[in-house]
């Protein structure tokens, strides 16, 4: 019994260590993106909408190329009254039992078959772009939510360190006051800065909790332990370089919003061609095979029928209550409108490409400047603390420099966040955000 207990305890320790190792592994940014991509309900709905849209193409193929077969069956009694040549009337009753198979094969539909297929292909592509845009937007939201947690988490950590440092300064000022080496104003100033640090810590914690809540709302997971940190993400994008011309050229062929406008214009053009076919004649091959019997109860006579016929039917539309003319005018209007929208989209694409490029360049430069500023304020703070020990500076001077150093570190964190987000925003604009 004792050996079994030791064995179970050993198994428990192994499982605990494995689970702890899995938790310690954490959730990377790519893991978050992949999970959101596979489990987001809005994305699933758009995918289902795309599947439903593809059935229109199947319908167009069936209407344009495949025959239509129908079975007509007639059962029952009929009666009629006919006038005889003698001036009398005769009532005739019949018992009818008849089956008929009708096959209708489209031969020529005025070009409608091909235009319908092109129209439905364009409709499917538009839905595909809607899905891509939703995927790209969701990936960008996931990235921003992940970075926001890292940002607020880091600021919260810095705020805790700042509070601890100011607490030591405040306690140190009280001790110095006891030995009459610090006056009341210095102690009050240290106390005020300590109180401000406590307030900043509370705000940092609140922002951290809100970012975690937003992360869980978007991704569907709790940010229990994030594997990446802000410096890792920034190092990954720091060496990535783009040119303004490269961003614009890539966006012309990959920007989902612009491609959607192009495909909408093509869809409306195909729709206009489709509307024109309503004025064209159509030719159908019609084959009829019928078999049945008819019993005349008045004359007590049985009539068996067995008929087969094949014919070409020509249908020429002359007037359909003006609907064909209305459809043509409406399709023509949509073509002109989508052409104008496409022109504006291409025009704004150039301006937007310049904007996202300049934002990335500026954000990277600001990070560089803030790194220099943090380093210089840290060195200056250390020097001022040494001077304060020898009475060359007051504690107020030290606290002012510490506040400047704290603000510099926060600004550096925000600069790295802005630069990282600017990089992913540029990738989103180009249309290059990926799951893996």
Protein backbone atom coordinates (compact mmCIF):
# COMPACT_ATOMS: atom_id res chain seq x y z
CA UNK A 1 0.00 0.00 0.00
CA UNK A 2 2.88 2.33 0.85
CA UNK A 3 4.55 1.70 -2.53
CA UNK A 4 1.29 2.45 -4.38
CA UNK A 5 0.98 5.76 -2.52
CA UNK A 6 4.53 6.78 -3.50
CA UNK A 7 3.84 5.79 -7.10
CA UNK A 8 0.63 7.87 -7.31
CA UNK A 9 2.44 10.81 -5.72
CA UNK A 10 5.23 10.48 -8.30
CA UNK A 11 2.68 10.49 -11.17
CA UNK A 12 1.02 13.58 -9.68
CA UNK A 13 4.35 15.44 -9.54
CA UNK A 14 5.08 14.60 -13.19
CA UNK A 15 1.65 15.78 -14.37
CA UNK A 16 1.92 18.94 -12.29
CA UNK A 17 5.32 19.76 -13.78
CA UNK A 18 4.04 19.11 -17.31
CA UNK A 19 1.00 21.35 -16.81
CA UNK A 20 3.20 24.02 -15.28
CA UNK A 21 5.56 23.80 -18.26
CA UNK A 22 2.62 24.17 -20.64
CA UNK A 23 1.34 27.21 -18.74
CA UNK A 24 4.83 28.67 -18.70
CA UNK A 25 5.05 28.26 -22.43
CA UNK A 26 2.43 30.97 -22.73
CA UNK A 27 0.37 32.30 -25.58
CA UNK A 28 2.32 33.80 -28.48
CA UNK A 29 0.99 36.40 -30.89
CA UNK A 30 0.75 33.83 -33.69
CA UNK A 31 -1.13 31.45 -31.39
CA UNK A 32 -3.65 34.20 -30.66
CA UNK A 33 -4.09 35.00 -34.35
CA UNK A 34 -4.55 31.33 -35.27
CA UNK A 35 -7.09 30.72 -32.50
CA UNK A 36 -9.13 33.78 -33.45
CA UNK A 37 -8.99 32.86 -37.15
CA UNK A 38 -10.33 29.37 -36.48
CA UNK A 39 -12.96 30.17 -33.84
CA UNK A 40 -14.38 33.65 -34.53
CA UNK A 41 -18.14 33.41 -35.12
CA UNK A 42 -18.36 36.47 -37.39
CA UNK A 43 -15.69 34.97 -39.62
CA UNK A 44 -17.57 31.67 -39.74
CA UNK A 45 -20.72 33.52 -40.85
CA UNK A 46 -18.86 35.23 -43.72
CA UNK A 47 -17.43 31.86 -44.82
CA UNK A 48 -20.93 30.37 -44.89
CA UNK A 49 -22.15 33.36 -46.89
CA UNK A 50 -19.42 32.68 -49.45
CA UNK A 51 -20.51 29.04 -49.72
CA UNK A 52 -24.09 30.13 -50.33
CA UNK A 53 -22.96 32.58 -53.02
CA UNK A 54 -21.19 29.81 -54.93
CA UNK A 55 -24.55 28.09 -55.49
CA UNK A 56 -25.53 30.93 -57.86
CA UNK A 57 -22.79 29.82 -60.23
CA UNK A 58 -24.07 26.25 -60.09
CA UNK A 59 -27.54 27.55 -60.89
CA UNK A 60 -26.24 29.56 -63.86
CA UNK A 61 -24.45 26.49 -65.25
CA UNK A 62 -27.63 24.44 -64.91
CA UNK A 63 -29.81 27.04 -66.60
CA UNK A 64 -27.35 27.62 -69.43
CA UNK A 65 -26.13 24.16 -70.34
CA UNK A 66 -28.19 21.43 -68.70
CA UNK A 67 -31.61 20.29 -69.93
CA UNK A 68 -34.80 20.70 -67.97
CA UNK A 69 -36.87 17.52 -67.65
CA UNK A 70 -40.42 17.54 -66.33
CA UNK A 71 -43.03 14.85 -65.85
CA UNK A 72 -46.66 15.77 -66.28
CA UNK A 73 -49.39 13.38 -65.24
CA UNK A 74 -53.09 13.75 -65.81
CA UNK A 75 -55.75 11.64 -64.07
CA UNK A 76 -59.48 12.19 -63.73
CA UNK A 77 -62.77 12.75 -65.50
CA UNK A 78 -63.81 15.48 -67.91
CA UNK A 79 -67.11 16.39 -69.41
CA UNK A 80 -68.14 18.68 -72.26
CA UNK A 81 -71.27 19.66 -74.21
CA UNK A 82 -71.20 19.90 -78.00
CA UNK A 83 -73.83 21.23 -80.41
CA UNK A 84 -74.94 18.74 -83.01
CA UNK A 85 -75.60 19.71 -86.61
CA UNK A 86 -79.28 18.90 -86.08
CA UNK A 87 -79.52 21.63 -83.51
CA UNK A 88 -79.48 19.35 -80.47
CA UNK A 89 -76.86 19.10 -77.71
CA UNK A 90 -74.80 16.11 -76.64
CA UNK A 91 -72.98 15.73 -73.32
CA UNK A 92 -69.70 13.83 -73.59
CA UNK A 93 -67.85 12.42 -70.59
CA UNK A 94 -64.29 11.08 -70.64
CA UNK A 95 -62.04 9.14 -68.28
CA UNK A 96 -58.45 10.33 -68.88
CA UNK A 97 -55.19 8.58 -67.85
CA UNK A 98 -52.13 10.26 -69.38
CA UNK A 99 -48.36 10.73 -68.65
CA UNK A 100 -46.03 13.12 -70.45
CA UNK A 101 -42.27 13.71 -70.27
CA UNK A 102 -40.96 17.05 -71.54
CA UNK A 103 -37.25 17.77 -72.14
CA UNK A 104 -36.13 21.35 -72.82
CA UNK A 105 -32.50 21.92 -73.83
CA UNK A 106 -31.18 25.49 -74.23
CA UNK A 107 -29.33 25.90 -77.54
CA UNK A 108 -28.83 29.66 -77.72
CA UNK A 109 -29.89 32.23 -75.12
CA UNK A 110 -28.68 35.41 -76.77
CA UNK A 111 -25.32 35.20 -75.00
CA UNK A 112 -26.99 35.04 -71.59
CA UNK A 113 -25.23 31.80 -70.57
CA UNK A 114 -21.68 33.20 -70.71
CA UNK A 115 -22.60 36.59 -69.27
CA UNK A 116 -24.40 34.94 -66.37
CA UNK A 117 -21.36 32.80 -65.61
CA UNK A 118 -19.09 35.86 -65.68
CA UNK A 119 -21.52 37.75 -63.46
CA UNK A 120 -21.66 34.94 -60.90
CA UNK A 121 -17.86 34.58 -60.95
CA UNK A 122 -17.57 38.28 -60.14
CA UNK A 123 -20.16 37.91 -57.38
CA UNK A 124 -18.12 35.08 -55.85
CA UNK A 125 -14.90 37.13 -56.04
CA UNK A 126 -16.59 40.05 -54.28
CA UNK A 127 -17.62 37.71 -51.47
CA UNK A 128 -14.09 36.32 -51.36
CA UNK A 129 -12.73 39.85 -50.94
CA UNK A 130 -15.27 40.47 -48.18
CA UNK A 131 -13.98 37.36 -46.45
CA UNK A 132 -10.36 38.44 -46.92
CA UNK A 133 -11.12 41.90 -45.57
CA UNK A 134 -12.84 40.40 -42.54
CA UNK A 135 -9.88 38.07 -41.97
CA UNK A 136 -7.37 40.91 -42.29
CA UNK A 137 -9.38 43.17 -39.96
CA UNK A 138 -9.70 40.40 -37.40
CA UNK A 139 -5.96 39.66 -37.52
CA UNK A 140 -5.20 43.37 -37.04
CA UNK A 141 -7.63 43.59 -34.10
CA UNK A 142 -5.98 40.55 -32.53
CA UNK A 143 -2.51 42.05 -32.95
CA UNK A 144 -3.58 45.39 -31.47
CA UNK A 145 -5.31 43.69 -28.53
CA UNK A 146 -2.22 41.57 -27.85
CA UNK A 147 0.07 44.61 -28.01
CA UNK A 148 -2.28 46.63 -25.77
CA UNK A 149 -2.00 43.99 -23.04
CA UNK A 150 1.80 44.03 -23.30
CA UNK A 151 1.81 47.84 -23.25
CA UNK A 152 -0.42 48.25 -20.19
CA UNK A 153 1.30 45.34 -18.45
CA UNK A 154 4.72 46.95 -18.93
CA UNK A 155 3.50 50.38 -17.84
CA UNK A 156 1.92 48.79 -14.76
CA UNK A 157 5.25 47.17 -13.91
CA UNK A 158 7.11 50.49 -14.36
CA UNK A 159 4.50 52.27 -12.21
CA UNK A 160 5.02 49.71 -9.41
CA UNK A 161 8.79 50.23 -9.55
CA UNK A 162 8.30 54.00 -9.53
CA UNK A 163 6.01 53.80 -6.52
CA UNK A 164 8.54 51.69 -4.62
CA UNK A 165 11.36 54.10 -5.45
CA UNK A 166 9.32 57.13 -4.33
CA UNK A 167 8.30 55.32 -1.15
CA UNK A 168 11.99 54.88 -0.34
CA UNK A 169 12.60 58.55 -1.11
CA UNK A 170 9.75 59.58 1.17
CA UNK A 171 10.99 57.36 4.01
CA UNK A 172 14.51 58.65 3.46
CA UNK A 173 13.28 62.25 3.70
CA UNK A 174 11.56 61.48 7.01
CA UNK A 175 14.78 60.06 8.43
CA UNK A 176 16.75 63.08 7.21
CA UNK A 177 14.18 65.39 8.82
CA UNK A 178 14.72 63.69 12.17
CA UNK A 179 18.40 64.52 11.92
CA UNK A 180 17.53 68.03 10.70
CA UNK A 181 19.15 67.42 7.31
CA UNK A 182 15.86 67.98 5.43
CA UNK A 183 13.29 70.66 5.92
CA UNK A 184 9.49 70.39 5.92
CA UNK A 185 9.09 71.48 2.30
CA UNK A 186 11.34 68.66 1.11
CA UNK A 187 9.41 66.08 3.11
CA UNK A 188 6.08 67.43 1.86
CA UNK A 189 7.35 67.39 -1.71
CA UNK A 190 8.48 63.75 -1.34
CA UNK A 191 5.13 62.82 0.16
CA UNK A 192 3.26 64.53 -2.69
CA UNK A 193 5.32 62.69 -5.31
CA UNK A 194 4.72 59.39 -3.51
CA UNK A 195 0.96 60.07 -3.48
CA UNK A 196 1.06 60.87 -7.20
CA UNK A 197 2.92 57.60 -7.84
CA UNK A 198 0.22 55.67 -6.01
CA UNK A 199 -2.44 57.35 -8.14
CA UNK A 200 -0.50 56.54 -11.33
CA UNK A 201 -0.20 52.92 -10.23
CA UNK A 202 -3.97 52.66 -9.74
CA UNK A 203 -4.59 54.10 -13.22
CA UNK A 204 -1.99 51.75 -14.74
CA UNK A 205 -3.65 48.75 -13.09
CA UNK A 206 -7.08 49.85 -14.32
CA UNK A 207 -5.80 50.19 -17.90
CA UNK A 208 -4.14 46.77 -17.65
CA UNK A 209 -7.39 45.13 -16.54
CA UNK A 210 -9.34 46.87 -19.34
CA UNK A 211 -6.83 45.70 -21.96
CA UNK A 212 -7.12 42.12 -20.68
CA UNK A 213 -10.90 42.34 -20.90
CA UNK A 214 -10.71 43.65 -24.46
CA UNK A 215 -8.26 40.87 -25.36
CA UNK A 216 -10.66 38.22 -24.07
CA UNK A 217 -13.59 39.86 -25.90
CA UNK A 218 -11.83 39.87 -29.29
CA UNK A 219 -9.88 36.62 -29.13
CA UNK A 220 -12.03 34.53 -26.81
CA UNK A 221 -9.15 33.60 -24.49
CA UNK A 222 -7.96 35.01 -21.20
CA UNK A 223 -4.47 36.57 -21.43
CA UNK A 224 -3.28 34.45 -18.49
CA UNK A 225 0.31 34.41 -19.66
CA UNK A 226 1.52 36.01 -22.87
CA UNK A 227 4.64 34.45 -24.36
CA UNK A 228 5.91 37.45 -26.33
CA UNK A 229 6.87 40.80 -24.88
CA UNK A 230 7.03 44.27 -26.37
CA UNK A 231 10.75 44.17 -27.05
CA UNK A 232 10.46 40.83 -28.89
CA UNK A 233 7.73 42.15 -31.17
CA UNK A 234 9.60 45.39 -31.78
CA UNK A 235 12.83 43.58 -32.67
CA UNK A 236 10.95 41.47 -35.22
CA UNK A 237 9.72 44.52 -37.12
CA UNK A 238 12.64 46.90 -36.51
CA UNK A 239 14.70 45.59 -39.43
CA UNK A 240 11.78 45.49 -41.88
CA UNK A 241 12.23 48.17 -44.52
CA UNK A 242 9.84 49.51 -47.14
CA UNK A 243 10.01 52.20 -49.77
CA UNK A 244 7.15 54.52 -50.57
CA UNK A 245 6.99 53.24 -54.14
CA UNK A 246 7.00 49.62 -52.98
CA UNK A 247 4.05 50.23 -50.64
CA UNK A 248 2.01 51.84 -53.41
CA UNK A 249 2.79 49.20 -56.04
CA UNK A 250 1.95 46.36 -53.67
CA UNK A 251 -1.28 48.01 -52.61
CA UNK A 252 -2.37 48.32 -56.25
CA UNK A 253 -2.31 44.54 -56.60
CA UNK A 254 -3.08 43.47 -53.02
CA UNK A 255 -5.12 46.12 -51.21
CA UNK A 256 -8.40 44.32 -50.55
CA UNK A 257 -10.56 47.42 -50.48
CA UNK A 258 -9.24 48.58 -53.87
CA UNK A 259 -9.57 45.10 -55.40
CA UNK A 260 -13.13 44.94 -54.15
CA UNK A 261 -13.92 48.17 -56.01
CA UNK A 262 -12.34 46.74 -59.17
CA UNK A 263 -14.34 43.55 -58.94
CA UNK A 264 -17.56 45.47 -58.24
CA UNK A 265 -16.99 47.48 -61.41
CA UNK A 266 -16.40 44.24 -63.36
CA UNK A 267 -19.51 42.69 -61.81
CA UNK A 268 -21.66 45.63 -62.92
CA UNK A 269 -20.21 45.48 -66.43
CA UNK A 270 -21.10 41.79 -66.68
CA UNK A 271 -24.53 42.58 -65.27
CA UNK A 272 -25.02 45.19 -68.01
CA UNK A 273 -24.10 42.63 -70.67
CA UNK A 274 -26.52 40.24 -69.05
CA UNK A 275 -29.29 42.86 -69.19
CA UNK A 276 -28.66 43.38 -72.92
CA UNK A 277 -29.32 39.68 -73.59
CA UNK A 278 -32.94 40.20 -72.48
CA UNK A 279 -33.51 41.85 -75.87
CA UNK A 280 -31.96 38.92 -77.81
CA UNK A 281 -33.85 35.85 -79.12
CA UNK A 282 -33.50 32.43 -77.51
CA UNK A 283 -33.58 28.97 -79.06
CA UNK A 284 -34.59 25.82 -77.18
CA UNK A 285 -34.75 22.21 -78.24
CA UNK A 286 -37.97 20.69 -76.94
CA UNK A 287 -38.68 16.96 -76.89
CA UNK A 288 -42.08 15.62 -75.78
CA UNK A 289 -43.04 12.02 -75.16
CA UNK A 290 -46.56 11.24 -74.03
CA UNK A 291 -48.45 8.06 -73.42
CA UNK A 292 -51.98 7.57 -72.15
CA UNK A 293 -55.52 6.51 -72.76
CA UNK A 294 -58.90 8.16 -72.93
CA UNK A 295 -62.20 6.33 -72.40
CA UNK A 296 -65.32 7.97 -73.84
CA UNK A 297 -68.14 6.91 -71.54
CA UNK A 298 -70.83 8.25 -73.92
CA UNK A 299 -69.76 6.23 -76.92
CA UNK A 300 -68.11 3.45 -74.87
CA UNK A 301 -64.93 3.79 -76.86
CA UNK A 302 -61.28 3.50 -75.71
CA UNK A 303 -58.57 5.66 -77.32
CA UNK A 304 -54.87 4.85 -76.72
CA UNK A 305 -52.27 7.56 -77.44
CA UNK A 306 -48.50 7.30 -77.83
CA UNK A 307 -46.91 10.50 -79.13
CA UNK A 308 -43.31 11.64 -79.55
CA UNK A 309 -42.22 15.01 -80.91
CA UNK A 310 -39.01 17.06 -81.23
CA UNK A 311 -39.00 20.76 -82.07
CA UNK A 312 -36.88 23.90 -82.00
CA UNK A 313 -38.60 26.81 -80.30
CA UNK A 314 -37.54 30.35 -81.09
CA UNK A 315 -38.43 32.96 -78.48
CA UNK A 316 -38.14 36.63 -79.42
CA UNK A 317 -38.84 39.13 -76.61
CA UNK A 318 -40.89 42.04 -77.85
CA UNK A 319 -42.12 43.63 -74.66
CA UNK A 320 -42.13 42.52 -71.02
CA UNK A 321 -43.98 45.42 -69.40
CA UNK A 322 -40.84 47.53 -69.72
CA UNK A 323 -38.87 45.36 -67.25
CA UNK A 324 -36.07 44.59 -69.74
CA UNK A 325 -35.65 48.30 -70.51
CA UNK A 326 -35.68 49.16 -66.79
CA UNK A 327 -33.06 46.46 -66.01
CA UNK A 328 -30.82 47.78 -68.77
CA UNK A 329 -31.01 51.39 -67.58
CA UNK A 330 -30.39 50.38 -63.96
CA UNK A 331 -27.40 48.20 -64.92
CA UNK A 332 -25.98 51.05 -67.00
CA UNK A 333 -26.30 53.43 -64.05
CA UNK A 334 -24.51 51.00 -61.72
CA UNK A 335 -21.64 50.62 -64.21
CA UNK A 336 -21.10 54.39 -64.32
CA UNK A 337 -21.33 54.69 -60.54
CA UNK A 338 -18.88 51.83 -59.86
CA UNK A 339 -16.47 53.27 -62.46
CA UNK A 340 -16.51 56.60 -60.63
CA UNK A 341 -16.03 54.83 -57.27
CA UNK A 342 -13.08 52.89 -58.67
CA UNK A 343 -11.46 56.10 -59.91
CA UNK A 344 -11.79 57.69 -56.46
CA UNK A 345 -10.51 54.53 -54.76
CA UNK A 346 -7.36 54.53 -56.86
CA UNK A 347 -6.86 58.22 -56.24
CA UNK A 348 -7.17 57.85 -52.45
CA UNK A 349 -4.98 54.71 -52.51
CA UNK A 350 -1.94 56.83 -53.36
CA UNK A 351 -2.57 59.25 -50.49
CA UNK A 352 -3.23 56.46 -48.00
CA UNK A 353 -0.08 54.57 -49.03
CA UNK A 354 2.01 57.69 -48.39
CA UNK A 355 0.31 58.18 -45.02
CA UNK A 356 0.91 54.66 -43.67
CA UNK A 357 4.49 54.72 -44.94
CA UNK A 358 5.28 58.07 -43.31
CA UNK A 359 3.68 56.95 -40.04
CA UNK A 360 5.96 53.92 -39.91
CA UNK A 361 9.09 55.95 -40.71
CA UNK A 362 8.22 58.64 -38.16
CA UNK A 363 7.41 56.11 -35.43
CA UNK A 364 10.73 54.31 -35.88
CA UNK A 365 12.63 57.61 -35.65
CA UNK A 366 10.73 58.57 -32.50
CA UNK A 367 11.68 55.26 -30.86
CA UNK A 368 15.34 55.99 -31.60
CA UNK A 369 15.10 59.46 -30.06
CA UNK A 370 13.29 58.17 -26.98
CA UNK A 371 15.92 55.47 -26.41
CA UNK A 372 18.59 58.19 -26.31
CA UNK A 373 16.42 60.32 -24.03
CA UNK A 374 15.79 57.47 -21.55
CA UNK A 375 19.49 56.63 -21.42
CA UNK A 376 20.46 60.26 -20.81
CA UNK A 377 17.83 60.83 -18.10
CA UNK A 378 18.87 57.61 -16.35
CA UNK A 379 22.50 58.74 -16.30
CA UNK A 380 21.47 62.20 -15.17
CA UNK A 381 19.32 60.76 -12.36
CA UNK A 382 22.19 58.63 -11.08
CA UNK A 383 24.55 61.62 -11.12
CA UNK A 384 22.03 63.82 -9.32
CA UNK A 385 21.51 61.16 -6.62
CA UNK A 386 25.26 61.13 -6.02
CA UNK A 387 25.38 64.93 -5.82
CA UNK A 388 22.46 64.92 -3.37
CA UNK A 389 24.46 62.70 -1.01
CA UNK A 390 27.14 65.35 -0.82
CA UNK A 391 24.69 68.22 -0.42
CA UNK A 392 25.18 69.65 -3.88
CA UNK A 393 21.57 68.92 -4.84
CA UNK A 394 18.35 68.76 -2.85
CA UNK A 395 15.92 65.88 -2.71
CA UNK A 396 13.49 68.02 -4.70
CA UNK A 397 15.95 68.10 -7.59
CA UNK A 398 16.29 64.32 -7.45
CA UNK A 399 12.53 63.79 -7.39
CA UNK A 400 12.06 66.11 -10.37
CA UNK A 401 14.63 64.16 -12.35
CA UNK A 402 13.07 60.84 -11.28
CA UNK A 403 9.70 62.04 -12.56
CA UNK A 404 11.32 62.96 -15.85
CA UNK A 405 12.96 59.53 -16.04
CA UNK A 406 9.65 57.78 -15.29
CA UNK A 407 7.86 59.79 -18.00
CA UNK A 408 10.68 59.03 -20.46
CA UNK A 409 10.33 55.27 -19.89
CA UNK A 410 6.56 55.47 -20.41
CA UNK A 411 7.06 57.47 -23.60
CA UNK A 412 9.55 54.89 -24.86
CA UNK A 413 7.05 52.09 -24.27
CA UNK A 414 4.34 54.05 -26.09
CA UNK A 415 6.75 54.80 -28.95
CA UNK A 416 7.55 51.11 -29.40
CA UNK A 417 3.84 50.30 -29.34
CA UNK A 418 3.08 52.96 -31.95
CA UNK A 419 5.91 51.75 -34.18
CA UNK A 420 4.86 48.10 -33.93
CA UNK A 421 1.23 48.95 -34.65
CA UNK A 422 2.28 51.19 -37.55
CA UNK A 423 4.16 48.26 -39.10
CA UNK A 424 1.19 45.91 -38.85
CA UNK A 425 -1.16 48.64 -40.03
CA UNK A 426 1.01 49.03 -43.15
CA UNK A 427 0.89 45.25 -43.70
CA UNK A 428 -2.88 45.42 -43.31
CA UNK A 429 -3.08 48.23 -45.86
CA UNK A 430 -1.04 46.22 -48.37
CA UNK A 431 -3.07 43.11 -47.61
CA UNK A 432 -0.22 40.94 -46.36
CA UNK A 433 -1.35 40.01 -42.84
CA UNK A 434 -1.26 36.22 -42.51
CA UNK A 435 -2.27 33.62 -39.96
CA UNK A 436 1.15 31.94 -40.01
